[in-house]
Amino acid sequence: MTERQPRSIRLTDPRALRAYAHPTRMTLVGLLRRSGPFTATQAAELTGESVASCSYHLRILAKYGLVEQAPGGKGREKPWRATAQFTEWPDHSEDAAVAEAANALSGAAIELYFQRVLRAVENRHTLPREWQEAEQFGDTLVHLTPKELADLGRRIEELLRPYEDRDLDPSRRPEGARPVSIVRIAYVDREFPEDAPRATHPEGTHGDGEER
């Protein structure tokens, strides 16, 4: 996209949170951020949904400020664009309606993430060897305080920031660069007792298939 978008839009209205918690809408926003602007007809071609369905979902997204109409075209042939690069919503709220809607949206986003991860795993054999070896699948169990976990999240975000402009400006992408989705999920793991002694060789699976 030629115009620079705001980095993020934050949803706090329970109605907006519930509206966004729809896989087609999240997919449309993601596609607009990466490949927009495009029309409802083009959206149907990209998603496999009907033109009428895409047009409806785009209007709902526009109602809550996630997309907007771009210049040019008429009716269903009028292009749409995303209003920001990222969507944020509350991690915690004292308002029960907001908390419930935010948790539902987080759950819907996680389902969408892992559907995409599964497709990536199923098709990774078609990638060149260097990409297969570079991809990362794994988990790590660590013991952190809330402050340390929040700080770790900020440090990871700082590492990723320098690469964000490449999404909007293709001229900044080095030769051979491809779109790479990085999913960050960190949660309190209640399957492990908090006071259990650390094993000499704790379980932890990594993308290379080894246990460390």
C-alpha atoms as a PDB file:
ATOM      1  CA  MET A   1       0.000   0.000   0.000  1.00  0.00           C
ATOM      2  CA  THR A   2       1.333   3.402  -0.892  1.00  0.00           C
ATOM      3  CA  GLU A   3      -0.007   5.308   2.142  1.00  0.00           C
ATOM      4  CA  ARG A   4       1.531   4.531   5.493  1.00  0.00           C
ATOM      5  CA  GLN A   5      -1.042   3.081   7.865  1.00  0.00           C
ATOM      6  CA  PRO A   6      -1.211   3.653  11.600  1.00  0.00           C
ATOM      7  CA  ARG A   7       0.671   0.807  13.260  1.00  0.00           C
ATOM      8  CA  SER A   8      -2.268  -0.462  15.317  1.00  0.00           C
ATOM      9  CA  ILE A   9      -5.967  -0.171  15.995  1.00  0.00           C
ATOM     10  CA  ARG A  10      -7.208  -1.103  19.482  1.00  0.00           C
ATOM     11  CA  LEU A  11     -10.645  -2.648  19.982  1.00  0.00           C
ATOM     12  CA  THR A  12     -12.330  -2.178  23.373  1.00  0.00           C
ATOM     13  CA  ASP A  13     -16.041  -2.178  22.494  1.00  0.00           C
ATOM     14  CA  PRO A  14     -17.504  -5.667  23.158  1.00  0.00           C
ATOM     15  CA  ARG A  15     -19.545  -5.373  19.955  1.00  0.00           C
ATOM     16  CA  ALA A  16     -16.404  -4.688  17.918  1.00  0.00           C
ATOM     17  CA  LEU A  17     -14.556  -7.543  19.630  1.00  0.00           C
ATOM     18  CA  ARG A  18     -17.370  -9.983  18.881  1.00  0.00           C
ATOM     19  CA  ALA A  19     -17.675  -8.738  15.312  1.00  0.00           C
ATOM     20  CA  TYR A  20     -13.985  -9.276  14.628  1.00  0.00           C
ATOM     21  CA  ALA A  21     -14.033 -12.797  16.136  1.00  0.00           C
ATOM     22  CA  HIS A  22     -15.088 -14.298  12.801  1.00  0.00           C
ATOM     23  CA  PRO A  23     -12.558 -16.242  10.716  1.00  0.00           C
ATOM     24  CA  THR A  24     -13.604 -14.671   7.408  1.00  0.00           C
ATOM     25  CA  ARG A  25     -13.318 -11.157   8.826  1.00  0.00           C
ATOM     26  CA  MET A  26      -9.924 -11.800  10.372  1.00  0.00           C
ATOM     27  CA  THR A  27      -8.794 -13.333   7.082  1.00  0.00           C
ATOM     28  CA  LEU A  28     -10.052 -10.334   5.088  1.00  0.00           C
ATOM     29  CA  VAL A  29      -8.274  -7.849   7.339  1.00  0.00           C
ATOM     30  CA  GLY A  30      -5.061  -9.867   7.099  1.00  0.00           C
ATOM     31  CA  LEU A  31      -5.276 -10.024   3.313  1.00  0.00           C
ATOM     32  CA  LEU A  32      -5.967  -6.300   3.043  1.00  0.00           C
ATOM     33  CA  ARG A  33      -2.923  -5.571   5.180  1.00  0.00           C
ATOM     34  CA  ARG A  34      -0.712  -7.711   2.960  1.00  0.00           C
ATOM     35  CA  SER A  35      -2.304  -7.420  -0.495  1.00  0.00           C
ATOM     36  CA  GLY A  36      -4.812  -4.548  -0.432  1.00  0.00           C
ATOM     37  CA  PRO A  37      -6.504  -2.458  -1.498  1.00  0.00           C
ATOM     38  CA  PHE A  38      -8.945  -4.789  -3.278  1.00  0.00           C
ATOM     39  CA  THR A  39     -12.641  -5.038  -4.092  1.00  0.00           C
ATOM     40  CA  ALA A  40     -15.268  -7.423  -2.728  1.00  0.00           C
ATOM     41  CA  THR A  41     -15.015  -9.323  -6.010  1.00  0.00           C
ATOM     42  CA  GLN A  42     -11.262  -9.715  -5.591  1.00  0.00           C
ATOM     43  CA  ALA A  43     -11.782 -10.649  -1.943  1.00  0.00           C
ATOM     44  CA  ALA A  44     -14.093 -13.463  -3.048  1.00  0.00           C
ATOM     45  CA  GLU A  45     -11.404 -14.776  -5.392  1.00  0.00           C
ATOM     46  CA  LEU A  46      -8.815 -14.701  -2.589  1.00  0.00           C
ATOM     47  CA  THR A  47     -10.968 -16.319   0.099  1.00  0.00           C
ATOM     48  CA  GLY A  48     -13.293 -18.636  -1.826  1.00  0.00           C
ATOM     49  CA  GLU A  49     -16.304 -16.862  -0.278  1.00  0.00           C
ATOM     50  CA  SER A  50     -19.101 -15.351  -2.361  1.00  0.00           C
ATOM     51  CA  VAL A  51     -18.923 -11.709  -3.430  1.00  0.00           C
ATOM     52  CA  ALA A  52     -22.076 -10.959  -1.401  1.00  0.00           C
ATOM     53  CA  SER A  53     -20.539 -12.552   1.709  1.00  0.00           C
ATOM     54  CA  CYS A  54     -17.270 -10.613   1.342  1.00  0.00           C
ATOM     55  CA  SER A  55     -19.156  -7.377   0.748  1.00  0.00           C
ATOM     56  CA  TYR A  56     -21.195  -7.962   3.923  1.00  0.00           C
ATOM     57  CA  HIS A  57     -18.151  -8.793   6.050  1.00  0.00           C
ATOM     58  CA  LEU A  58     -16.231  -5.790   4.728  1.00  0.00           C
ATOM     59  CA  ARG A  59     -19.103  -3.487   5.684  1.00  0.00           C
ATOM     60  CA  ILE A  60     -19.144  -4.950   9.211  1.00  0.00           C
ATOM     61  CA  LEU A  61     -15.388  -4.427   9.489  1.00  0.00           C
ATOM     62  CA  ALA A  62     -15.791  -0.837   8.284  1.00  0.00           C
ATOM     63  CA  LYS A  63     -18.463  -0.232  10.929  1.00  0.00           C
ATOM     64  CA  TYR A  64     -15.842  -0.891  13.608  1.00  0.00           C
ATOM     65  CA  GLY A  65     -13.002   0.981  11.950  1.00  0.00           C
ATOM     66  CA  LEU A  66     -10.908  -1.995  10.823  1.00  0.00           C
ATOM     67  CA  VAL A  67     -11.233  -1.268   7.110  1.00  0.00           C
ATOM     68  CA  GLU A  68     -12.316   1.648   4.975  1.00  0.00           C
ATOM     69  CA  GLN A  69     -13.141   2.307   1.359  1.00  0.00           C
ATOM     70  CA  ALA A  70     -10.215   3.363  -0.782  1.00  0.00           C
ATOM     71  CA  PRO A  71     -10.433   5.862  -3.660  1.00  0.00           C
ATOM     72  CA  GLY A  72     -11.782   4.670  -7.018  1.00  0.00           C
ATOM     73  CA  GLY A  73     -14.435   2.242  -8.230  1.00  0.00           C
ATOM     74  CA  LYS A  74     -18.169   2.050  -7.592  1.00  0.00           C
ATOM     75  CA  GLY A  75     -20.427  -0.247  -5.561  1.00  0.00           C
ATOM     76  CA  ARG A  76     -18.964  -3.718  -5.156  1.00  0.00           C
ATOM     77  CA  GLU A  77     -16.120  -2.690  -7.434  1.00  0.00           C
ATOM     78  CA  LYS A  78     -15.060   0.000  -4.983  1.00  0.00           C
ATOM     79  CA  PRO A  79     -11.771  -1.059  -3.323  1.00  0.00           C
ATOM     80  CA  TRP A  80     -11.275  -1.480   0.398  1.00  0.00           C
ATOM     81  CA  ARG A  81      -8.147  -1.016   2.497  1.00  0.00           C
ATOM     82  CA  ALA A  82      -7.083  -1.800   6.049  1.00  0.00           C
ATOM     83  CA  THR A  83      -6.872   1.081   8.502  1.00  0.00           C
ATOM     84  CA  ALA A  84      -3.863  -0.241  10.475  1.00  0.00           C
ATOM     85  CA  GLN A  85      -1.091  -2.835  10.355  1.00  0.00           C
ATOM     86  CA  PHE A  86      -2.112  -4.630  13.566  1.00  0.00           C
ATOM     87  CA  THR A  87      -5.161  -5.163  15.768  1.00  0.00           C
ATOM     88  CA  GLU A  88      -4.924  -5.020  19.565  1.00  0.00           C
ATOM     89  CA  TRP A  89      -7.486  -5.816  22.247  1.00  0.00           C
ATOM     90  CA  PRO A  90      -7.418  -5.945  26.078  1.00  0.00           C
ATOM     91  CA  ASP A  91      -5.490  -8.707  27.838  1.00  0.00           C
ATOM     92  CA  HIS A  92      -7.529  -7.961  30.968  1.00  0.00           C
ATOM     93  CA  SER A  93     -10.632  -5.947  31.770  1.00  0.00           C
ATOM     94  CA  GLU A  94     -12.689  -5.361  34.920  1.00  0.00           C
ATOM     95  CA  ASP A  95     -15.703  -5.068  32.599  1.00  0.00           C
ATOM     96  CA  ALA A  96     -17.116  -8.607  32.327  1.00  0.00           C
ATOM     97  CA  ALA A  97     -18.568  -7.986  28.861  1.00  0.00           C
ATOM     98  CA  VAL A  98     -15.233  -6.727  27.527  1.00  0.00           C
ATOM     99  CA  ALA A  99     -13.299  -9.586  29.173  1.00  0.00           C
ATOM    100  CA  GLU A 100     -15.655 -12.225  27.755  1.00  0.00           C
ATOM    101  CA  ALA A 101     -15.585 -10.758  24.239  1.00  0.00           C
ATOM    102  CA  ALA A 102     -11.793 -10.304  24.321  1.00  0.00           C
ATOM    103  CA  ASN A 103     -11.264 -13.914  25.425  1.00  0.00           C
ATOM    104  CA  ALA A 104     -13.575 -15.138  22.670  1.00  0.00           C
ATOM    105  CA  LEU A 105     -11.606 -13.121  20.109  1.00  0.00           C
ATOM    106  CA  SER A 106      -8.306 -14.491  21.413  1.00  0.00           C
ATOM    107  CA  GLY A 107      -9.666 -18.022  21.095  1.00  0.00           C
ATOM    108  CA  ALA A 108     -10.856 -17.389  17.536  1.00  0.00           C
ATOM    109  CA  ALA A 109      -7.486 -15.902  16.582  1.00  0.00           C
ATOM    110  CA  ILE A 110      -5.606 -18.879  18.034  1.00  0.00           C
ATOM    111  CA  GLU A 111      -7.792 -21.306  16.077  1.00  0.00           C
ATOM    112  CA  LEU A 112      -7.055 -19.374  12.898  1.00  0.00           C
ATOM    113  CA  TYR A 113      -3.314 -19.267  13.638  1.00  0.00           C
ATOM    114  CA  PHE A 114      -3.096 -23.001  14.120  1.00  0.00           C
ATOM    115  CA  GLN A 115      -5.176 -23.839  11.063  1.00  0.00           C
ATOM    116  CA  ARG A 116      -2.580 -21.895   9.099  1.00  0.00           C
ATOM    117  CA  VAL A 117       0.302 -23.564  10.926  1.00  0.00           C
ATOM    118  CA  LEU A 118      -1.121 -27.009  10.134  1.00  0.00           C
ATOM    119  CA  ARG A 119      -1.436 -26.104   6.453  1.00  0.00           C
ATOM    120  CA  ALA A 120       2.138 -24.838   6.502  1.00  0.00           C
ATOM    121  CA  VAL A 121       3.362 -28.108   8.022  1.00  0.00           C
ATOM    122  CA  GLU A 122       1.408 -30.163   5.500  1.00  0.00           C
ATOM    123  CA  ASN A 123       2.929 -28.247   2.600  1.00  0.00           C
ATOM    124  CA  ARG A 124       6.437 -27.555   3.884  1.00  0.00           C
ATOM    125  CA  HIS A 125       7.867 -30.423   1.808  1.00  0.00           C
ATOM    126  CA  THR A 126       7.286 -28.213  -1.249  1.00  0.00           C
ATOM    127  CA  LEU A 127       9.666 -25.531   0.074  1.00  0.00           C
ATOM    128  CA  PRO A 128      13.347 -25.401  -0.855  1.00  0.00           C
ATOM    129  CA  ARG A 129      15.579 -27.118   1.702  1.00  0.00           C
ATOM    130  CA  GLU A 130      16.996 -23.838   3.012  1.00  0.00           C
ATOM    131  CA  TRP A 131      13.498 -22.672   3.963  1.00  0.00           C
ATOM    132  CA  GLN A 132      12.572 -25.996   5.546  1.00  0.00           C
ATOM    133  CA  GLU A 133      15.700 -25.818   7.690  1.00  0.00           C
ATOM    134  CA  ALA A 134      15.076 -22.169   8.597  1.00  0.00           C
ATOM    135  CA  GLU A 135      11.458 -22.651   9.714  1.00  0.00           C
ATOM    136  CA  GLN A 136      10.949 -23.012  13.450  1.00  0.00           C
ATOM    137  CA  PHE A 137       8.571 -25.245  15.374  1.00  0.00           C
ATOM    138  CA  GLY A 138       9.093 -25.716  19.087  1.00  0.00           C
ATOM    139  CA  ASP A 139       8.310 -24.759  22.646  1.00  0.00           C
ATOM    140  CA  THR A 140      10.263 -23.856  25.756  1.00  0.00           C
ATOM    141  CA  LEU A 141       9.143 -24.079  29.386  1.00  0.00           C
ATOM    142  CA  VAL A 142      10.663 -21.390  31.599  1.00  0.00           C
ATOM    143  CA  HIS A 143       9.869 -20.014  35.061  1.00  0.00           C
ATOM    144  CA  LEU A 144       9.135 -16.274  34.982  1.00  0.00           C
ATOM    145  CA  THR A 145       7.508 -13.567  37.058  1.00  0.00           C
ATOM    146  CA  PRO A 146       4.719 -11.500  35.441  1.00  0.00           C
ATOM    147  CA  LYS A 147       7.168  -8.608  35.063  1.00  0.00           C
ATOM    148  CA  GLU A 148       9.765 -10.838  33.376  1.00  0.00           C
ATOM    149  CA  LEU A 149       7.172 -12.263  30.991  1.00  0.00           C
ATOM    150  CA  ALA A 150       5.968  -8.775  30.020  1.00  0.00           C
ATOM    151  CA  ASP A 151       9.562  -7.652  29.546  1.00  0.00           C
ATOM    152  CA  LEU A 152      10.306 -10.675  27.362  1.00  0.00           C
ATOM    153  CA  GLY A 153       7.324  -9.794  25.167  1.00  0.00           C
ATOM    154  CA  ARG A 154       8.594  -6.237  24.739  1.00  0.00           C
ATOM    155  CA  ARG A 155      12.074  -7.473  23.831  1.00  0.00           C
ATOM    156  CA  ILE A 156      10.688  -9.860  21.200  1.00  0.00           C
ATOM    157  CA  GLU A 157       8.597  -7.025  19.750  1.00  0.00           C
ATOM    158  CA  GLU A 158      11.685  -4.804  19.592  1.00  0.00           C
ATOM    159  CA  LEU A 159      13.523  -7.521  17.655  1.00  0.00           C
ATOM    160  CA  LEU A 160      10.702  -7.702  15.093  1.00  0.00           C
ATOM    161  CA  ARG A 161      10.114  -3.957  14.663  1.00  0.00           C
ATOM    162  CA  PRO A 162      12.974  -3.353  12.154  1.00  0.00           C
ATOM    163  CA  TYR A 163      11.374  -5.835   9.745  1.00  0.00           C
ATOM    164  CA  GLU A 164       7.850  -4.376   9.818  1.00  0.00           C
ATOM    165  CA  ASP A 165       8.445  -1.660   7.217  1.00  0.00           C
ATOM    166  CA  ARG A 166       9.308  -4.320   4.639  1.00  0.00           C
ATOM    167  CA  ASP A 167       5.649  -5.324   4.636  1.00  0.00           C
ATOM    168  CA  LEU A 168       4.563  -1.892   3.408  1.00  0.00           C
ATOM    169  CA  ASP A 169       7.597  -1.054   1.259  1.00  0.00           C
ATOM    170  CA  PRO A 170       8.732  -3.855  -1.089  1.00  0.00           C
ATOM    171  CA  SER A 171      11.873  -1.884  -1.977  1.00  0.00           C
ATOM    172  CA  ARG A 172      13.148  -2.563   1.561  1.00  0.00           C
ATOM    173  CA  ARG A 173      12.974  -6.327   1.141  1.00  0.00           C
ATOM    174  CA  PRO A 174      16.281  -8.065   0.396  1.00  0.00           C
ATOM    175  CA  GLU A 175      16.456 -10.498  -2.498  1.00  0.00           C
ATOM    176  CA  GLY A 176      14.998 -13.865  -1.542  1.00  0.00           C
ATOM    177  CA  ALA A 177      12.755 -12.511   1.221  1.00  0.00           C
ATOM    178  CA  ARG A 178       9.356 -14.203   1.575  1.00  0.00           C
ATOM    179  CA  PRO A 179       6.358 -13.593   3.865  1.00  0.00           C
ATOM    180  CA  VAL A 180       6.986 -15.279   7.228  1.00  0.00           C
ATOM    181  CA  SER A 181       4.302 -15.449   9.932  1.00  0.00           C
ATOM    182  CA  ILE A 182       5.621 -15.375  13.489  1.00  0.00           C
ATOM    183  CA  VAL A 183       3.044 -16.372  16.106  1.00  0.00           C
ATOM    184  CA  ARG A 184       3.863 -15.380  19.694  1.00  0.00           C
ATOM    185  CA  ILE A 185       1.939 -17.155  22.448  1.00  0.00           C
ATOM    186  CA  ALA A 186       3.093 -17.293  26.059  1.00  0.00           C
ATOM    187  CA  TYR A 187       0.814 -18.554  28.804  1.00  0.00           C
ATOM    188  CA  VAL A 188       0.895 -19.810  32.388  1.00  0.00           C
ATOM    189  CA  ASP A 189       1.143 -23.592  31.956  1.00  0.00           C
ATOM    190  CA  ARG A 190      -1.026 -25.183  34.639  1.00  0.00           C
ATOM    191  CA  GLU A 191      -0.257 -28.716  33.478  1.00  0.00           C
ATOM    192  CA  PHE A 192       3.039 -28.513  35.370  1.00  0.00           C
ATOM    193  CA  PRO A 193       3.039 -28.169  39.178  1.00  0.00           C
ATOM    194  CA  GLU A 194       4.575 -24.870  40.272  1.00  0.00           C
ATOM    195  CA  ASP A 195       6.775 -26.397  42.971  1.00  0.00           C
ATOM    196  CA  ALA A 196       8.050 -29.389  40.972  1.00  0.00           C
ATOM    197  CA  PRO A 197      11.867 -29.769  40.949  1.00  0.00           C
ATOM    198  CA  ARG A 198      13.490 -29.144  37.593  1.00  0.00           C
ATOM    199  CA  ALA A 199      14.481 -32.354  35.805  1.00  0.00           C
ATOM    200  CA  THR A 200      18.014 -32.849  34.529  1.00  0.00           C
ATOM    201  CA  HIS A 201      16.641 -33.147  30.979  1.00  0.00           C
ATOM    202  CA  PRO A 202      13.307 -31.312  30.843  1.00  0.00           C
ATOM    203  CA  GLU A 203      10.929 -32.037  28.009  1.00  0.00           C
ATOM    204  CA  GLY A 204      10.988 -29.549  25.195  1.00  0.00           C
ATOM    205  CA  THR A 205      10.408 -30.288  21.539  1.00  0.00           C
ATOM    206  CA  HIS A 206      12.073 -28.210  18.854  1.00  0.00           C
ATOM    207  CA  GLY A 207      11.735 -27.933  15.118  1.00  0.00           C
ATOM    208  CA  ASP A 208      14.759 -30.097  14.422  1.00  0.00           C
ATOM    209  CA  GLY A 209      13.063 -33.045  16.086  1.00  0.00           C
ATOM    210  CA  GLU A 210      15.557 -33.301  18.964  1.00  0.00           C
ATOM    211  CA  GLU A 211      14.721 -33.130  22.635  1.00  0.00           C
ATOM    212  CA  ARG A 212      16.697 -30.627  24.701  1.00  0.00           C
END
